[in-house]
């Protein structure tokens, strides 16, 4: 008997000259099959170790799909030693007609066979004749053209409905968290025979419970977060990537996408470092196996962490003449034993590294506006939370270079290793851009690794109008950029660029079965192992949208936010106060209750209690608009602002992020007008509650109008 199966099933006819091999496809309820001619004299099982009865004891593995209608199937009963049912399929395809002798013979064959009523016997423990009995595990892996096309049509309608319904945004909800949680309360994996586990039932449940009230991040009226509408071509590209299922950790599972990823990295590298790198530089390093121009990650957090990992390993690398080492020791490298004082932090750990180099601790320096990913970095790299030194910012939320240099001298005087200085090109909360050139000069002066977190503002490099704001970024040792922010790729695409491609060797890790030292495997240099070929999305944007297209998108977004800042600052009601002049396309502002508008307009100093009244009103407006608003959504944050005498005070503010190319001025005006209306309601409620600062009286308990923090 030959090594043939249909969806894992051995369909055999005793002492026959042929064995039918079925690769079923749907054509409106009919099955088309192919015939594979086998050696009729071979009756022994040549598939070593194969258990021919396994399929019968595991019916859900090898039964025909419910989608593949069984009305046209026939089977022959085989009785050999009580074995499981052996089947032969009655061919109906016209392409196989020449193999039949005549219609009478075909009819005789049909009469000899027993028509299928159920592919699963009563002994299987499943209800006879049910739709589930007609399904198998394997049919999910061998989809037919018609079934997948039907599914695509269904999902396309859902997607169209989702994208064409900009309101409500569903960033907040008046529905209680307990009510939402009740729809997601299962804690056990269901059996495939349970109700609700067919594909149709599952997708219907997902539509009702997930999609219908999912946040409309692509809505032009959602101007509160860094997620946006995407170019339409990403949707079919995502399907293509899923079908290919490439794993770019190694060349053996990404034979072409590995090189596409390296090309994409080189394009981005050239945008930031092209002024200092020649064409021959890229020719040499783009596809170099033992170096990397950069690495793709799942986002800015992993990119920033990888940058700090590189900075630490380079600062505490192998050392032959340690400052503080009691004795030399031996270490093994690449199978050879060598004499050296210290093998590097990656080999011997942070504790020994600091002692060998004579440091009392390690620290990363950056502004108070640093992204929270650096808190994770200092924790994971062994520096601890106190290993993150935060430097004061100015009134525009940019790091003060003079304060940074004082911190450098302070930590050096304490005997600390300064692993890296961080510059920010577009802070997450305010969009502010540090003076990167000044920071680069300080880093070079004290020989410290300089990293720029340009996850948000990096794409300004494409804008001739705004690229000067990034002056000095070409001096950075490493740069983080997010594709899924202002490069308009789907979520989960970050990028870390290396000024010097050999930096990657400081974190290079290899294995015997993949990512071998002599291979082109990208996994040698990435923190993450298995990764999808998401670089195709950025590759597509760079080619289809193009540098001029990216320029127009970025420039327009910044312009729109500038216009909004002008509108709010000069609003006839004087109901709003902006907190900064935007560097990019993020703006902070707050709502001013009527009783305080004259004072704010006159730029008179505010009492702390008055700032708190403004913050309270702003919080309430934002939460109510998020839950009940009909015009759009903005987010909220809490930042420190400078007050008289250098005092720093925490205040709450609306946070607007405009990156969606579909957002118009009317959308912006709609959000502002709605906030004015809600503000009037909130002021009345606060007065009724005798809120401190508006009327004398007792302080009110926390307002209960919002369901939860947004």
Foldseek 3Di string as FASTA:
>chain_A
DDDAEELPAFADDPLDQFGWHAQFADDPQATAGDTDGDHSVDDDDPPPPDDNQVCLLVVQRRAAALRNHQQQFWAAADPPVNGDTHGDGLHDDPVCVVVDPDPVVSVVVVVNTDRDQFPHDVVNVDDGNDSSRRRHPSCVVRDHPVVVVVVVVVVVVLVVVLQVDLPPQLPAAPDFPVVLVVLVPDDDDDDCRDPQNDPVSVVVSCCVNPRVRDGSLQRLLAFAAQFYDFPPVQVVVVVVLVVLVAWQQFCVRVVPLVLVLLVLLLVLLCLQQVVPDDPVNCVPASQDQQFGQWDKFQALLQQVLLLLLLLQQVVQAFDQQFPAAPDWDWDDDPNDIDTGRGHTCVVPNDVVSCRRNVAPAEAEEEAPLDDCSVQVNCVVRVRHNVRYHHAYDDLQRAGDLVRRLVVVVVRVVNRYHHSEYEFECQRRFFGDGYPQQSVLVSCVVVVHAYEYECQARSLCSLAPVQVVSVPNSSSHQKYKHACSGLVRHPRGIIMMGGNDRNSLNSQFDDDDVGRHNPRNRPSRRGPDRTDGSSVVRSSCSCPPCHSVNSNVLQVVLQVLQQVLQVCQCVPPLLQKDWSHRGSGNKTWMWGQPPVCSVVVVVVHFDDLVNLVVRQLLRQVLQLCCSHPNGLHHHAKDWDWHAGPPRDTDIHMTTMTGRRYPPNDVVSVVSVVVSSVVVSVVVVVVCVVQCDPPPHDDDHHDPDPSGSDHD
